[in-house]
Amino acid sequence: MRDYKKLDFWKRSHLLTKQVYADVLPIMPNEERFALTNQLRRSTYSIPLNIVEGCGKNTDKDFAHYLDNALGSAHEVEYTCYLIYDLGFIPKEIYDKIHTAINEVKAMLIGFIKFLRGENL
């Protein structure tokens, strides 16, 4: 069993989730509450949740599978934020800040997945 709270990529994904909740969700229009807002909320917290669930698995292979799921959610967050920005719901400054954070999380996840699978970095 791994302690997810000690993993830098979990910490960063947790901060990303808090950032989305603080900076993006409150300014979304009410008519998007059950569509884009809900989708962004679920995909964002899915990243750290998949990491936590993977930490409870016994093998590196199983852990990597959950990290793959977390990475997929990060890609989903990336596109949803792009769409929200492109539709004019959030300003460029917020989009740029979130986009940078998402890319950091993705890079960290990819690096650790490669490490678990013994792939060359």
Protein backbone atom coordinates (compact mmCIF):
# COMPACT_ATOMS: atom_id res chain seq x y z
CA MET A 1 0.00 0.00 0.00
CA ARG A 2 1.27 3.42 -0.93
CA ASP A 3 0.61 6.66 0.93
CA TYR A 4 -0.92 8.88 -1.74
CA LYS A 5 -0.37 12.00 0.38
CA LYS A 6 3.38 11.58 -0.12
CA LEU A 7 3.17 11.52 -3.93
CA ASP A 8 4.00 14.82 -5.60
CA PHE A 9 1.69 14.12 -8.54
CA TRP A 10 -1.22 13.48 -6.15
CA LYS A 11 -0.46 16.75 -4.33
CA ARG A 12 -0.37 18.61 -7.64
CA SER A 13 -3.62 17.02 -8.85
CA HIS A 14 -5.28 17.91 -5.54
CA LEU A 15 -4.17 21.53 -5.98
CA LEU A 16 -5.49 21.49 -9.56
CA THR A 17 -8.86 20.31 -8.27
CA LYS A 18 -8.95 23.10 -5.70
CA GLN A 19 -7.91 25.60 -8.38
CA VAL A 20 -10.74 24.54 -10.70
CA TYR A 21 -13.23 24.74 -7.83
CA ALA A 22 -11.98 28.20 -6.81
CA ASP A 23 -11.30 29.85 -10.17
CA VAL A 24 -13.50 28.22 -12.84
CA LEU A 25 -16.63 26.66 -11.39
CA PRO A 26 -17.92 29.79 -9.61
CA ILE A 27 -17.91 31.86 -12.81
CA MET A 28 -19.62 29.30 -15.01
CA PRO A 29 -23.08 30.31 -16.23
CA ASN A 30 -26.07 28.73 -14.49
CA GLU A 31 -27.31 27.20 -17.73
CA GLU A 32 -24.13 25.07 -17.84
CA ARG A 33 -24.54 23.80 -14.26
CA PHE A 34 -25.68 20.33 -15.37
CA ALA A 35 -23.55 20.13 -18.50
CA LEU A 36 -20.02 21.53 -18.76
CA THR A 37 -19.76 22.56 -15.11
CA ASN A 38 -20.73 19.12 -13.87
CA GLN A 39 -18.48 17.39 -16.41
CA LEU A 40 -15.51 19.54 -15.42
CA ARG A 41 -16.14 18.97 -11.72
CA ARG A 42 -16.30 15.18 -12.10
CA SER A 43 -13.32 14.84 -14.42
CA THR A 44 -11.19 17.12 -12.25
CA TYR A 45 -11.66 15.25 -9.00
CA SER A 46 -11.38 11.97 -10.88
CA ILE A 47 -7.64 12.63 -11.28
CA PRO A 48 -6.68 12.51 -7.58
CA LEU A 49 -9.38 9.88 -6.86
CA ASN A 50 -7.87 7.48 -9.39
CA ILE A 51 -4.43 8.04 -7.89
CA VAL A 52 -5.80 7.29 -4.41
CA GLU A 53 -7.58 4.17 -5.63
CA GLY A 54 -4.45 2.97 -7.42
CA CYS A 55 -2.42 3.41 -4.25
CA GLY A 56 -4.57 0.73 -2.66
CA LYS A 57 -3.62 -1.86 -5.28
CA ASN A 58 -0.93 -4.44 -4.66
CA THR A 59 0.99 -4.44 -7.92
CA ASP A 60 2.72 -1.79 -9.98
CA LYS A 61 0.75 -3.00 -12.99
CA ASP A 62 -2.56 -2.35 -11.22
CA PHE A 63 -1.30 1.00 -9.92
CA ALA A 64 -0.24 2.02 -13.44
CA HIS A 65 -3.73 1.15 -14.72
CA TYR A 66 -5.30 3.63 -12.29
CA LEU A 67 -2.70 6.24 -13.18
CA ASP A 68 -3.67 5.71 -16.84
CA ASN A 69 -7.25 6.48 -15.82
CA ALA A 70 -6.08 9.59 -13.98
CA LEU A 71 -4.19 10.67 -17.10
CA GLY A 72 -7.31 10.16 -19.19
CA SER A 73 -9.24 12.38 -16.81
CA ALA A 74 -6.50 15.01 -17.04
CA HIS A 75 -6.91 15.02 -20.83
CA GLU A 76 -10.65 15.41 -20.34
CA VAL A 77 -10.11 18.38 -18.00
CA GLU A 78 -7.71 19.88 -20.52
CA TYR A 79 -10.26 19.79 -23.33
CA THR A 80 -13.20 20.86 -21.15
CA CYS A 81 -11.25 23.91 -19.99
CA TYR A 82 -10.30 24.71 -23.56
CA LEU A 83 -13.94 24.50 -24.62
CA ILE A 84 -15.06 26.63 -21.69
CA TYR A 85 -12.43 29.22 -22.64
CA ASP A 86 -13.27 29.04 -26.35
CA LEU A 87 -16.95 29.58 -25.56
CA GLY A 88 -16.01 32.73 -23.63
CA PHE A 89 -17.00 31.50 -20.16
CA ILE A 90 -13.57 32.11 -18.59
CA PRO A 91 -10.92 34.74 -19.33
CA LYS A 92 -7.56 33.92 -20.90
CA GLU A 93 -5.68 34.51 -17.62
CA ILE A 94 -7.64 31.81 -15.83
CA TYR A 95 -7.43 29.44 -18.79
CA ASP A 96 -3.65 29.89 -19.03
CA LYS A 97 -3.22 29.24 -15.30
CA ILE A 98 -5.36 26.08 -15.39
CA HIS A 99 -3.76 24.88 -18.64
CA THR A 100 -0.30 25.16 -17.10
CA ALA A 101 -1.41 23.23 -14.02
CA ILE A 102 -3.01 20.49 -16.13
CA ASN A 103 0.17 20.10 -18.19
CA GLU A 104 2.22 19.77 -15.01
CA VAL A 105 -0.05 17.02 -13.70
CA LYS A 106 -0.02 15.21 -17.05
CA ALA A 107 3.79 15.32 -17.27
CA MET A 108 4.16 14.02 -13.72
CA LEU A 109 1.69 11.20 -14.34
CA ILE A 110 3.35 10.19 -17.62
CA GLY A 111 6.76 10.16 -15.95
CA PHE A 112 5.61 7.97 -13.08
CA ILE A 113 3.67 5.60 -15.34
CA LYS A 114 6.83 5.12 -17.42
CA PHE A 115 8.82 4.53 -14.23
CA LEU A 116 6.35 1.88 -13.02
CA ARG A 117 6.45 0.13 -16.39
CA GLY A 118 10.24 0.29 -16.57
CA GLU A 119 10.18 2.40 -19.70
CA ASN A 120 13.03 4.71 -20.60
CA LEU A 121 12.34 8.30 -19.74
